[in-house]
Amino acid sequence: MSLEFSTRKMTFEGKELSVALTEMENAVLLLLWEGMRPLLGTLTVTLPGRISSRLLGDRDSLFGQVLGEQLASYFQKMSLVSVNLKTVKTEAVGSKILELIKEIISERAKSRAPAS
């Protein structure tokens, strides 16, 4: 079995931002990065019930925790979130990134819905 990532891109203040999400049987993995190539960044793990822990890095850890809590709550699974934003401030772009993630989740839900 291979992992299938759902992805979205956007431009914010002239910078390209990308989001990739995949769901496993017991976890959800979200990668967020700035630039053309995917990069691992500050890594946060969150369990359903909003129990979070930073595993790696420091920058944007609070934003990673917020994203992780949203995903863990929605999927009722452990979430791993990597945030690698070098120049873009999460305070400025956070709501737009959440919208991208909601689009991905909505698309995935539609693809799983039984045909009528």
PDB file of N, CA and C in Angstrom:
ATOM      1  N   MET A   1       0.827  -1.170   0.000  1.00  0.00           N
ATOM      2  CA  MET A   1       0.000   0.000   0.000  1.00  0.00           C
ATOM      3  C   MET A   1       0.882   1.248   0.000  1.00  0.00           C
ATOM      4  N   SER A   2       0.472   2.249  -0.752  1.00  0.00           N
ATOM      5  CA  SER A   2       1.247   3.482  -0.793  1.00  0.00           C
ATOM      6  C   SER A   2       0.429   4.626  -0.208  1.00  0.00           C
ATOM      7  N   LEU A   3       1.119   5.643   0.216  1.00  0.00           N
ATOM      8  CA  LEU A   3       0.451   6.821   0.755  1.00  0.00           C
ATOM      9  C   LEU A   3       0.010   7.722  -0.391  1.00  0.00           C
ATOM     10  N   GLU A   4      -1.196   8.225  -0.292  1.00  0.00           N
ATOM     11  CA  GLU A   4      -1.699   9.164  -1.282  1.00  0.00           C
ATOM     12  C   GLU A   4      -1.898  10.500  -0.596  1.00  0.00           C
ATOM     13  N   PHE A   5      -1.184  11.514  -1.055  1.00  0.00           N
ATOM     14  CA  PHE A   5      -1.280  12.844  -0.485  1.00  0.00           C
ATOM     15  C   PHE A   5      -2.248  13.696  -1.291  1.00  0.00           C
ATOM     16  N   SER A   6      -3.081  14.417  -0.594  1.00  0.00           N
ATOM     17  CA  SER A   6      -3.908  15.459  -1.206  1.00  0.00           C
ATOM     18  C   SER A   6      -3.153  16.760  -0.987  1.00  0.00           C
ATOM     19  N   THR A   7      -3.021  17.564  -2.033  1.00  0.00           N
ATOM     20  CA  THR A   7      -2.205  18.767  -1.931  1.00  0.00           C
ATOM     21  C   THR A   7      -2.957  20.009  -2.394  1.00  0.00           C
ATOM     22  N   ARG A   8      -2.505  21.129  -1.891  1.00  0.00           N
ATOM     23  CA  ARG A   8      -2.989  22.438  -2.311  1.00  0.00           C
ATOM     24  C   ARG A   8      -1.805  23.396  -2.269  1.00  0.00           C
ATOM     25  N   LYS A   9      -1.847  24.394  -3.175  1.00  0.00           N
ATOM     26  CA  LYS A   9      -0.821  25.442  -3.183  1.00  0.00           C
ATOM     27  C   LYS A   9      -1.514  26.791  -3.197  1.00  0.00           C
ATOM     28  N   MET A  10      -0.802  27.781  -2.675  1.00  0.00           N
ATOM     29  CA  MET A  10      -1.289  29.150  -2.728  1.00  0.00           C
ATOM     30  C   MET A  10      -0.095  30.088  -2.726  1.00  0.00           C
ATOM     31  N   THR A  11      -0.337  31.300  -3.175  1.00  0.00           N
ATOM     32  CA  THR A  11       0.692  32.331  -3.119  1.00  0.00           C
ATOM     33  C   THR A  11       0.257  33.368  -2.090  1.00  0.00           C
ATOM     34  N   PHE A  12       1.167  33.702  -1.204  1.00  0.00           N
ATOM     35  CA  PHE A  12       0.899  34.692  -0.174  1.00  0.00           C
ATOM     36  C   PHE A  12       2.095  35.623  -0.089  1.00  0.00           C
ATOM     37  N   GLU A  13       1.867  36.897  -0.296  1.00  0.00           N
ATOM     38  CA  GLU A  13       2.934  37.903  -0.275  1.00  0.00           C
ATOM     39  C   GLU A  13       4.097  37.500  -1.172  1.00  0.00           C
ATOM     40  N   GLY A  14       3.771  36.946  -2.341  1.00  0.00           N
ATOM     41  CA  GLY A  14       4.787  36.558  -3.311  1.00  0.00           C
ATOM     42  C   GLY A  14       5.502  35.257  -3.017  1.00  0.00           C
ATOM     43  N   LYS A  15       5.112  34.572  -1.970  1.00  0.00           N
ATOM     44  CA  LYS A  15       5.741  33.294  -1.583  1.00  0.00           C
ATOM     45  C   LYS A  15       4.789  32.150  -1.875  1.00  0.00           C
ATOM     46  N   GLU A  16       5.324  31.055  -2.413  1.00  0.00           N
ATOM     47  CA  GLU A  16       4.500  29.875  -2.662  1.00  0.00           C
ATOM     48  C   GLU A  16       4.446  29.023  -1.401  1.00  0.00           C
ATOM     49  N   LEU A  17       3.216  28.704  -0.980  1.00  0.00           N
ATOM     50  CA  LEU A  17       2.995  27.847   0.189  1.00  0.00           C
ATOM     51  C   LEU A  17       2.288  26.584  -0.279  1.00  0.00           C
ATOM     52  N   SER A  18       2.674  25.457   0.265  1.00  0.00           N
ATOM     53  CA  SER A  18       2.073  24.176  -0.106  1.00  0.00           C
ATOM     54  C   SER A  18       1.639  23.424   1.132  1.00  0.00           C
ATOM     55  N   VAL A  19       0.526  22.695   0.976  1.00  0.00           N
ATOM     56  CA  VAL A  19      -0.012  21.849   2.033  1.00  0.00           C
ATOM     57  C   VAL A  19      -0.225  20.464   1.443  1.00  0.00           C
ATOM     58  N   ALA A  20       0.195  19.437   2.161  1.00  0.00           N
ATOM     59  CA  ALA A  20      -0.031  18.051   1.740  1.00  0.00           C
ATOM     60  C   ALA A  20      -0.571  17.276   2.935  1.00  0.00           C
ATOM     61  N   LEU A  21      -1.615  16.485   2.696  1.00  0.00           N
ATOM     62  CA  LEU A  21      -2.257  15.743   3.774  1.00  0.00           C
ATOM     63  C   LEU A  21      -2.467  14.304   3.330  1.00  0.00           C
ATOM     64  N   THR A  22      -2.169  13.374   4.224  1.00  0.00           N
ATOM     65  CA  THR A  22      -2.474  11.975   3.981  1.00  0.00           C
ATOM     66  C   THR A  22      -3.045  11.375   5.259  1.00  0.00           C
ATOM     67  N   GLU A  23      -3.909  10.399   5.068  1.00  0.00           N
ATOM     68  CA  GLU A  23      -4.534   9.720   6.202  1.00  0.00           C
ATOM     69  C   GLU A  23      -4.120   8.262   6.205  1.00  0.00           C
ATOM     70  N   MET A  24      -3.684   7.809   7.365  1.00  0.00           N
ATOM     71  CA  MET A  24      -3.354   6.409   7.569  1.00  0.00           C
ATOM     72  C   MET A  24      -4.429   5.806   8.474  1.00  0.00           C
ATOM     73  N   GLU A  25      -4.340   4.526   8.719  1.00  0.00           N
ATOM     74  CA  GLU A  25      -5.349   3.878   9.549  1.00  0.00           C
ATOM     75  C   GLU A  25      -5.409   4.476  10.949  1.00  0.00           C
ATOM     76  N   ASN A  26      -4.245   4.843  11.488  1.00  0.00           N
ATOM     77  CA  ASN A  26      -4.219   5.323  12.870  1.00  0.00           C
ATOM     78  C   ASN A  26      -3.747   6.762  13.024  1.00  0.00           C
ATOM     79  N   ALA A  27      -3.489   7.464  11.922  1.00  0.00           N
ATOM     80  CA  ALA A  27      -2.937   8.813  12.032  1.00  0.00           C
ATOM     81  C   ALA A  27      -3.202   9.620  10.766  1.00  0.00           C
ATOM     82  N   VAL A  28      -3.047  10.923  10.920  1.00  0.00           N
ATOM     83  CA  VAL A  28      -3.120  11.863   9.810  1.00  0.00           C
ATOM     84  C   VAL A  28      -1.805  12.624   9.797  1.00  0.00           C
ATOM     85  N   LEU A  29      -1.245  12.806   8.613  1.00  0.00           N
ATOM     86  CA  LEU A  29       0.024  13.519   8.465  1.00  0.00           C
ATOM     87  C   LEU A  29      -0.202  14.745   7.595  1.00  0.00           C
ATOM     88  N   LEU A  30       0.189  15.920   8.101  1.00  0.00           N
ATOM     89  CA  LEU A  30       0.067  17.174   7.364  1.00  0.00           C
ATOM     90  C   LEU A  30       1.444  17.813   7.247  1.00  0.00           C
ATOM     91  N   LEU A  31       1.803  18.173   6.029  1.00  0.00           N
ATOM     92  CA  LEU A  31       3.054  18.874   5.775  1.00  0.00           C
ATOM     93  C   LEU A  31       2.720  20.243   5.212  1.00  0.00           C
ATOM     94  N   LEU A  32       3.330  21.277   5.748  1.00  0.00           N
ATOM     95  CA  LEU A  32       3.139  22.646   5.286  1.00  0.00           C
ATOM     96  C   LEU A  32       4.526  23.240   5.076  1.00  0.00           C
ATOM     97  N   TRP A  33       4.776  23.771   3.871  1.00  0.00           N
ATOM     98  CA  TRP A  33       6.093  24.337   3.613  1.00  0.00           C
ATOM     99  C   TRP A  33       5.997  25.530   2.677  1.00  0.00           C
ATOM    100  N   GLU A  34       7.035  26.336   2.749  1.00  0.00           N
ATOM    101  CA  GLU A  34       7.181  27.511   1.896  1.00  0.00           C
ATOM    102  C   GLU A  34       8.256  27.200   0.855  1.00  0.00           C
ATOM    103  N   GLY A  35       7.976  27.528  -0.397  1.00  0.00           N
ATOM    104  CA  GLY A  35       8.960  27.314  -1.456  1.00  0.00           C
ATOM    105  C   GLY A  35       8.552  26.187  -2.380  1.00  0.00           C
ATOM    106  N   MET A  36       9.442  25.863  -3.285  1.00  0.00           N
ATOM    107  CA  MET A  36       9.144  24.895  -4.335  1.00  0.00           C
ATOM    108  C   MET A  36       9.285  23.442  -3.882  1.00  0.00           C
ATOM    109  N   ARG A  37      10.217  23.184  -2.968  1.00  0.00           N
ATOM    110  CA  ARG A  37      10.481  21.799  -2.561  1.00  0.00           C
ATOM    111  C   ARG A  37      10.002  21.538  -1.144  1.00  0.00           C
ATOM    112  N   PRO A  38       9.389  20.369  -0.921  1.00  0.00           N
ATOM    113  CA  PRO A  38       8.924  20.039   0.435  1.00  0.00           C
ATOM    114  C   PRO A  38      10.090  19.960   1.417  1.00  0.00           C
ATOM    115  N   LEU A  39       9.880  20.539   2.589  1.00  0.00           N
ATOM    116  CA  LEU A  39      10.877  20.507   3.648  1.00  0.00           C
ATOM    117  C   LEU A  39      10.194  20.161   4.959  1.00  0.00           C
ATOM    118  N   LEU A  40      10.831  19.321   5.751  1.00  0.00           N
ATOM    119  CA  LEU A  40      10.328  19.020   7.085  1.00  0.00           C
ATOM    120  C   LEU A  40      10.636  20.204   7.977  1.00  0.00           C
ATOM    121  N   GLY A  41       9.698  20.555   8.830  1.00  0.00           N
ATOM    122  CA  GLY A  41       9.896  21.684   9.737  1.00  0.00           C
ATOM    123  C   GLY A  41       9.569  21.291  11.154  1.00  0.00           C
ATOM    124  N   THR A  42       9.160  22.261  11.932  1.00  0.00           N
ATOM    125  CA  THR A  42       8.766  22.005  13.310  1.00  0.00           C
ATOM    126  C   THR A  42       7.687  20.932  13.304  1.00  0.00           C
ATOM    127  N   LEU A  43       7.893  19.894  14.068  1.00  0.00           N
ATOM    128  CA  LEU A  43       7.020  18.726  14.039  1.00  0.00           C
ATOM    129  C   LEU A  43       6.274  18.597  15.366  1.00  0.00           C
ATOM    130  N   THR A  44       4.942  18.504  15.248  1.00  0.00           N
ATOM    131  CA  THR A  44       4.078  18.391  16.418  1.00  0.00           C
ATOM    132  C   THR A  44       3.209  17.158  16.289  1.00  0.00           C
ATOM    133  N   VAL A  45       3.012  16.454  17.384  1.00  0.00           N
ATOM    134  CA  VAL A  45       2.081  15.322  17.411  1.00  0.00           C
ATOM    135  C   VAL A  45       0.941  15.688  18.356  1.00  0.00           C
ATOM    136  N   THR A  46      -0.281  15.382  17.926  1.00  0.00           N
ATOM    137  CA  THR A  46      -1.456  15.675  18.742  1.00  0.00           C
ATOM    138  C   THR A  46      -2.366  14.460  18.742  1.00  0.00           C
ATOM    139  N   LEU A  47      -2.860  14.116  19.929  1.00  0.00           N
ATOM    140  CA  LEU A  47      -3.815  13.018  20.074  1.00  0.00           C
ATOM    141  C   LEU A  47      -5.215  13.598  20.197  1.00  0.00           C
ATOM    142  N   PRO A  48      -6.231  12.832  19.813  1.00  0.00           N
ATOM    143  CA  PRO A  48      -7.597  13.308  20.065  1.00  0.00           C
ATOM    144  C   PRO A  48      -7.726  13.653  21.546  1.00  0.00           C
ATOM    145  N   GLY A  49      -8.434  14.695  21.847  1.00  0.00           N
ATOM    146  CA  GLY A  49      -8.494  15.173  23.221  1.00  0.00           C
ATOM    147  C   GLY A  49      -7.536  16.313  23.461  1.00  0.00           C
ATOM    148  N   ARG A  50      -6.884  16.786  22.391  1.00  0.00           N
ATOM    149  CA  ARG A  50      -6.015  17.964  22.418  1.00  0.00           C
ATOM    150  C   ARG A  50      -4.765  17.794  23.272  1.00  0.00           C
ATOM    151  N   ILE A  51      -4.214  16.616  23.295  1.00  0.00           N
ATOM    152  CA  ILE A  51      -2.956  16.376  23.986  1.00  0.00           C
ATOM    153  C   ILE A  51      -1.863  16.483  22.940  1.00  0.00           C
ATOM    154  N   SER A  52      -1.020  17.527  23.055  1.00  0.00           N
ATOM    155  CA  SER A  52      -0.011  17.805  22.037  1.00  0.00           C
ATOM    156  C   SER A  52       1.388  17.790  22.613  1.00  0.00           C
ATOM    157  N   SER A  53       2.326  17.502  21.728  1.00  0.00           N
ATOM    158  CA  SER A  53       3.735  17.547  22.109  1.00  0.00           C
ATOM    159  C   SER A  53       4.555  17.946  20.894  1.00  0.00           C
ATOM    160  N   ARG A  54       5.488  18.848  21.105  1.00  0.00           N
ATOM    161  CA  ARG A  54       6.411  19.236  20.045  1.00  0.00           C
ATOM    162  C   ARG A  54       7.531  18.206  20.007  1.00  0.00           C
ATOM    163  N   LEU A  55       7.789  17.655  18.827  1.00  0.00           N
ATOM    164  CA  LEU A  55       8.813  16.626  18.686  1.00  0.00           C
ATOM    165  C   LEU A  55      10.132  17.182  18.159  1.00  0.00           C
ATOM    166  N   LEU A  56      10.030  18.228  17.340  1.00  0.00           N
ATOM    167  CA  LEU A  56      11.222  18.742  16.666  1.00  0.00           C
ATOM    168  C   LEU A  56      11.017  20.211  16.359  1.00  0.00           C
ATOM    169  N   GLY A  57      12.035  21.007  16.589  1.00  0.00           N
ATOM    170  CA  GLY A  57      11.985  22.415  16.212  1.00  0.00           C
ATOM    171  C   GLY A  57      11.235  23.283  17.204  1.00  0.00           C
ATOM    172  N   ASP A  58      11.195  24.581  16.871  1.00  0.00           N
ATOM    173  CA  ASP A  58      10.574  25.543  17.774  1.00  0.00           C
ATOM    174  C   ASP A  58       9.722  26.553  17.023  1.00  0.00           C
ATOM    175  N   ARG A  59      10.187  26.990  15.866  1.00  0.00           N
ATOM    176  CA  ARG A  59       9.486  28.028  15.117  1.00  0.00           C
ATOM    177  C   ARG A  59       8.107  27.534  14.685  1.00  0.00           C
ATOM    178  N   ASP A  60       7.105  28.332  14.868  1.00  0.00           N
ATOM    179  CA  ASP A  60       5.723  28.034  14.474  1.00  0.00           C
ATOM    180  C   ASP A  60       5.145  26.806  15.179  1.00  0.00           C
ATOM    181  N   SER A  61       5.664  26.476  16.349  1.00  0.00           N
ATOM    182  CA  SER A  61       5.162  25.294  17.066  1.00  0.00           C
ATOM    183  C   SER A  61       3.720  25.474  17.526  1.00  0.00           C
ATOM    184  N   LEU A  62       3.348  26.684  17.912  1.00  0.00           N
ATOM    185  CA  LEU A  62       1.974  26.923  18.345  1.00  0.00           C
ATOM    186  C   LEU A  62       0.999  26.735  17.177  1.00  0.00           C
ATOM    187  N   PHE A  63       1.373  27.223  16.002  1.00  0.00           N
ATOM    188  CA  PHE A  63       0.526  27.048  14.823  1.00  0.00           C
ATOM    189  C   PHE A  63       0.405  25.562  14.477  1.00  0.00           C
ATOM    190  N   GLY A  64       1.498  24.827  14.558  1.00  0.00           N
ATOM    191  CA  GLY A  64       1.456  23.382  14.321  1.00  0.00           C
ATOM    192  C   GLY A  64       0.542  22.677  15.303  1.00  0.00           C
ATOM    193  N   GLN A  65       0.552  23.135  16.542  1.00  0.00           N
ATOM    194  CA  GLN A  65      -0.319  22.553  17.559  1.00  0.00           C
ATOM    195  C   GLN A  65      -1.783  22.838  17.237  1.00  0.00           C
ATOM    196  N   VAL A  66      -2.088  24.057  16.811  1.00  0.00           N
ATOM    197  CA  VAL A  66      -3.464  24.417  16.452  1.00  0.00           C
ATOM    198  C   VAL A  66      -3.947  23.551  15.286  1.00  0.00           C
ATOM    199  N   LEU A  67      -3.118  23.423  14.258  1.00  0.00           N
ATOM    200  CA  LEU A  67      -3.481  22.576  13.114  1.00  0.00           C
ATOM    201  C   LEU A  67      -3.667  21.130  13.554  1.00  0.00           C
ATOM    202  N   GLY A  68      -2.759  20.648  14.394  1.00  0.00           N
ATOM    203  CA  GLY A  68      -2.841  19.273  14.883  1.00  0.00           C
ATOM    204  C   GLY A  68      -4.102  19.013  15.672  1.00  0.00           C
ATOM    205  N   GLU A  69      -4.497  19.961  16.504  1.00  0.00           N
ATOM    206  CA  GLU A  69      -5.716  19.804  17.291  1.00  0.00           C
ATOM    207  C   GLU A  69      -6.947  19.742  16.394  1.00  0.00           C
ATOM    208  N   GLN A  70      -6.967  20.580  15.357  1.00  0.00           N
ATOM    209  CA  GLN A  70      -8.082  20.563  14.415  1.00  0.00           C
ATOM    210  C   GLN A  70      -8.175  19.206  13.710  1.00  0.00           C
ATOM    211  N   LEU A  71      -7.044  18.705  13.240  1.00  0.00           N
ATOM    212  CA  LEU A  71      -7.032  17.426  12.515  1.00  0.00           C
ATOM    213  C   LEU A  71      -7.364  16.258  13.428  1.00  0.00           C
ATOM    214  N   ALA A  72      -6.760  16.218  14.612  1.00  0.00           N
ATOM    215  CA  ALA A  72      -7.014  15.108  15.540  1.00  0.00           C
ATOM    216  C   ALA A  72      -8.479  15.078  15.947  1.00  0.00           C
ATOM    217  N   SER A  73      -9.058  16.245  16.135  1.00  0.00           N
ATOM    218  CA  SER A  73     -10.466  16.323  16.505  1.00  0.00           C
ATOM    219  C   SER A  73     -11.361  15.861  15.359  1.00  0.00           C
ATOM    220  N   TYR A  74     -11.076  16.304  14.157  1.00  0.00           N
ATOM    221  CA  TYR A  74     -11.913  15.954  13.010  1.00  0.00           C
ATOM    222  C   TYR A  74     -11.817  14.460  12.678  1.00  0.00           C
ATOM    223  N   PHE A  75     -10.591  13.937  12.585  1.00  0.00           N
ATOM    224  CA  PHE A  75     -10.390  12.549  12.168  1.00  0.00           C
ATOM    225  C   PHE A  75     -10.469  11.557  13.321  1.00  0.00           C
ATOM    226  N   GLN A  76     -10.400  12.051  14.562  1.00  0.00           N
ATOM    227  CA  GLN A  76     -10.349  11.199  15.751  1.00  0.00           C
ATOM    228  C   GLN A  76      -9.171  10.216  15.678  1.00  0.00           C
ATOM    229  N   LYS A  77      -8.043  10.765  15.251  1.00  0.00           N
ATOM    230  CA  LYS A  77      -6.791  10.008  15.138  1.00  0.00           C
ATOM    231  C   LYS A  77      -5.649  10.916  15.567  1.00  0.00           C
ATOM    232  N   MET A  78      -4.513  10.289  15.832  1.00  0.00           N
ATOM    233  CA  MET A  78      -3.298  11.032  16.085  1.00  0.00           C
ATOM    234  C   MET A  78      -2.967  11.854  14.844  1.00  0.00           C
ATOM    235  N   SER A  79      -2.483  13.085  15.042  1.00  0.00           N
ATOM    236  CA  SER A  79      -2.053  13.897  13.903  1.00  0.00           C
ATOM    237  C   SER A  79      -0.593  14.287  14.083  1.00  0.00           C
ATOM    238  N   LEU A  80       0.122  14.239  12.983  1.00  0.00           N
ATOM    239  CA  LEU A  80       1.504  14.713  12.929  1.00  0.00           C
ATOM    240  C   LEU A  80       1.512  15.890  11.971  1.00  0.00           C
ATOM    241  N   VAL A  81       2.015  17.027  12.426  1.00  0.00           N
ATOM    242  CA  VAL A  81       2.012  18.238  11.617  1.00  0.00           C
ATOM    243  C   VAL A  81       3.433  18.792  11.544  1.00  0.00           C
ATOM    244  N   SER A  82       3.889  19.047  10.319  1.00  0.00           N
ATOM    245  CA  SER A  82       5.177  19.679  10.080  1.00  0.00           C
ATOM    246  C   SER A  82       4.934  21.045   9.457  1.00  0.00           C
ATOM    247  N   VAL A  83       5.503  22.084  10.061  1.00  0.00           N
ATOM    248  CA  VAL A  83       5.373  23.453   9.549  1.00  0.00           C
ATOM    249  C   VAL A  83       6.768  23.980   9.251  1.00  0.00           C
ATOM    250  N   ASN A  84       7.013  24.330   7.971  1.00  0.00           N
ATOM    251  CA  ASN A  84       8.290  24.917   7.574  1.00  0.00           C
ATOM    252  C   ASN A  84       8.012  26.194   6.788  1.00  0.00           C
ATOM    253  N   LEU A  85       7.837  27.283   7.509  1.00  0.00           N
ATOM    254  CA  LEU A  85       7.632  28.604   6.907  1.00  0.00           C
ATOM    255  C   LEU A  85       8.830  29.458   7.278  1.00  0.00           C
ATOM    256  N   LYS A  86       9.596  29.863   6.281  1.00  0.00           N
ATOM    257  CA  LYS A  86      10.831  30.605   6.554  1.00  0.00           C
ATOM    258  C   LYS A  86      10.593  32.092   6.734  1.00  0.00           C
ATOM    259  N   THR A  87       9.779  32.683   5.864  1.00  0.00           N
ATOM    260  CA  THR A  87       9.616  34.140   5.894  1.00  0.00           C
ATOM    261  C   THR A  87       8.182  34.584   6.149  1.00  0.00           C
ATOM    262  N   VAL A  88       7.218  33.723   5.908  1.00  0.00           N
ATOM    263  CA  VAL A  88       5.816  34.074   6.081  1.00  0.00           C
ATOM    264  C   VAL A  88       5.433  33.894   7.546  1.00  0.00           C
ATOM    265  N   LYS A  89       4.746  34.874   8.093  1.00  0.00           N
ATOM    266  CA  LYS A  89       4.305  34.813   9.492  1.00  0.00           C
ATOM    267  C   LYS A  89       2.953  34.114   9.582  1.00  0.00           C
ATOM    268  N   THR A  90       2.852  33.128  10.458  1.00  0.00           N
ATOM    269  CA  THR A  90       1.612  32.367  10.596  1.00  0.00           C
ATOM    270  C   THR A  90       0.446  33.245  11.040  1.00  0.00           C
ATOM    271  N   GLU A  91       0.730  34.309  11.775  1.00  0.00           N
ATOM    272  CA  GLU A  91      -0.334  35.204  12.217  1.00  0.00           C
ATOM    273  C   GLU A  91      -1.042  35.832  11.023  1.00  0.00           C
ATOM    274  N   ALA A  92      -0.305  36.077   9.946  1.00  0.00           N
ATOM    275  CA  ALA A  92      -0.859  36.731   8.761  1.00  0.00           C
ATOM    276  C   ALA A  92      -1.561  35.749   7.827  1.00  0.00           C
ATOM    277  N   VAL A  93      -1.076  34.518   7.736  1.00  0.00           N
ATOM    278  CA  VAL A  93      -1.573  33.577   6.737  1.00  0.00           C
ATOM    279  C   VAL A  93      -2.356  32.408   7.331  1.00  0.00           C
ATOM    280  N   GLY A  94      -2.421  32.313   8.634  1.00  0.00           N
ATOM    281  CA  GLY A  94      -3.021  31.159   9.306  1.00  0.00           C
ATOM    282  C   GLY A  94      -4.423  30.810   8.848  1.00  0.00           C
ATOM    283  N   SER A  95      -5.300  31.805   8.745  1.00  0.00           N
ATOM    284  CA  SER A  95      -6.684  31.513   8.357  1.00  0.00           C
ATOM    285  C   SER A  95      -6.768  31.006   6.923  1.00  0.00           C
ATOM    286  N   LYS A  96      -5.909  31.492   6.051  1.00  0.00           N
ATOM    287  CA  LYS A  96      -5.905  31.028   4.655  1.00  0.00           C
ATOM    288  C   LYS A  96      -5.422  29.580   4.563  1.00  0.00           C
ATOM    289  N   ILE A  97      -4.452  29.218   5.387  1.00  0.00           N
ATOM    290  CA  ILE A  97      -3.964  27.838   5.416  1.00  0.00           C
ATOM    291  C   ILE A  97      -5.060  26.917   5.943  1.00  0.00           C
ATOM    292  N   LEU A  98      -5.771  27.351   6.970  1.00  0.00           N
ATOM    293  CA  LEU A  98      -6.890  26.552   7.482  1.00  0.00           C
ATOM    294  C   LEU A  98      -7.941  26.331   6.396  1.00  0.00           C
ATOM    295  N   GLU A  99      -8.199  27.335   5.574  1.00  0.00           N
ATOM    296  CA  GLU A  99      -9.144  27.180   4.465  1.00  0.00           C
ATOM    297  C   GLU A  99      -8.660  26.121   3.470  1.00  0.00           C
ATOM    298  N   LEU A 100      -7.360  26.135   3.152  1.00  0.00           N
ATOM    299  CA  LEU A 100      -6.807  25.120   2.247  1.00  0.00           C
ATOM    300  C   LEU A 100      -6.989  23.717   2.816  1.00  0.00           C
ATOM    301  N   ILE A 101      -6.735  23.578   4.096  1.00  0.00           N
ATOM    302  CA  ILE A 101      -6.867  22.270   4.746  1.00  0.00           C
ATOM    303  C   ILE A 101      -8.328  21.817   4.726  1.00  0.00           C
ATOM    304  N   LYS A 102      -9.242  22.736   4.977  1.00  0.00           N
ATOM    305  CA  LYS A 102     -10.673  22.396   4.926  1.00  0.00           C
ATOM    306  C   LYS A 102     -11.077  21.962   3.523  1.00  0.00           C
ATOM    307  N   GLU A 103     -10.515  22.596   2.490  1.00  0.00           N
ATOM    308  CA  GLU A 103     -10.784  22.182   1.106  1.00  0.00           C
ATOM    309  C   GLU A 103     -10.327  20.744   0.873  1.00  0.00           C
ATOM    310  N   ILE A 104      -9.146  20.423   1.357  1.00  0.00           N
ATOM    311  CA  ILE A 104      -8.605  19.069   1.194  1.00  0.00           C
ATOM    312  C   ILE A 104      -9.511  18.063   1.897  1.00  0.00           C
ATOM    313  N   ILE A 105      -9.899  18.361   3.129  1.00  0.00           N
ATOM    314  CA  ILE A 105     -10.745  17.448   3.902  1.00  0.00           C
ATOM    315  C   ILE A 105     -12.081  17.257   3.202  1.00  0.00           C
ATOM    316  N   SER A 106     -12.661  18.342   2.718  1.00  0.00           N
ATOM    317  CA  SER A 106     -13.940  18.273   2.021  1.00  0.00           C
ATOM    318  C   SER A 106     -13.826  17.427   0.753  1.00  0.00           C
ATOM    319  N   GLU A 107     -12.762  17.617   0.011  1.00  0.00           N
ATOM    320  CA  GLU A 107     -12.532  16.830  -1.213  1.00  0.00           C
ATOM    321  C   GLU A 107     -12.397  15.350  -0.888  1.00  0.00           C
ATOM    322  N   ARG A 108     -11.664  15.041   0.157  1.00  0.00           N
ATOM    323  CA  ARG A 108     -11.471  13.640   0.547  1.00  0.00           C
ATOM    324  C   ARG A 108     -12.791  13.027   0.994  1.00  0.00           C
ATOM    325  N   ALA A 109     -13.606  13.795   1.725  1.00  0.00           N
ATOM    326  CA  ALA A 109     -14.895  13.292   2.193  1.00  0.00           C
ATOM    327  C   ALA A 109     -15.818  12.994   1.006  1.00  0.00           C
ATOM    328  N   LYS A 110     -15.811  13.853   0.003  1.00  0.00           N
ATOM    329  CA  LYS A 110     -16.644  13.637  -1.187  1.00  0.00           C
ATOM    330  C   LYS A 110     -16.213  12.395  -1.957  1.00  0.00           C
ATOM    331  N   SER A 111     -14.909  12.162  -2.029  1.00  0.00           N
ATOM    332  CA  SER A 111     -14.427  10.999  -2.775  1.00  0.00           C
ATOM    333  C   SER A 111     -14.749   9.689  -2.076  1.00  0.00           C
ATOM    334  N   ARG A 112     -15.010   9.753  -0.758  1.00  0.00           N
ATOM    335  CA  ARG A 112     -15.354   8.541  -0.002  1.00  0.00           C
ATOM    336  C   ARG A 112     -16.841   8.292   0.075  1.00  0.00           C
ATOM    337  N   ALA A 113     -17.631   9.317  -0.194  1.00  0.00           N
ATOM    338  CA  ALA A 113     -19.082   9.187  -0.067  1.00  0.00           C
ATOM    339  C   ALA A 113     -19.603   8.184  -1.073  1.00  0.00           C
ATOM    340  N   PRO A 114     -20.530   7.306  -0.649  1.00  0.00           N
ATOM    341  CA  PRO A 114     -21.086   6.322  -1.572  1.00  0.00           C
ATOM    342  C   PRO A 114     -21.901   7.024  -2.665  1.00  0.00           C
ATOM    343  N   ALA A 115     -21.788   6.514  -3.870  1.00  0.00           N
ATOM    344  CA  ALA A 115     -22.537   7.086  -4.992  1.00  0.00           C
ATOM    345  C   ALA A 115     -24.016   6.779  -4.825  1.00  0.00           C
ATOM    346  N   SER A 116     -24.866   7.770  -5.143  1.00  0.00           N
ATOM    347  CA  SER A 116     -26.318   7.545  -5.014  1.00  0.00           C
ATOM    348  C   SER A 116     -26.906   7.061  -6.303  1.00  0.00           C
TER     349      SER A 116
END
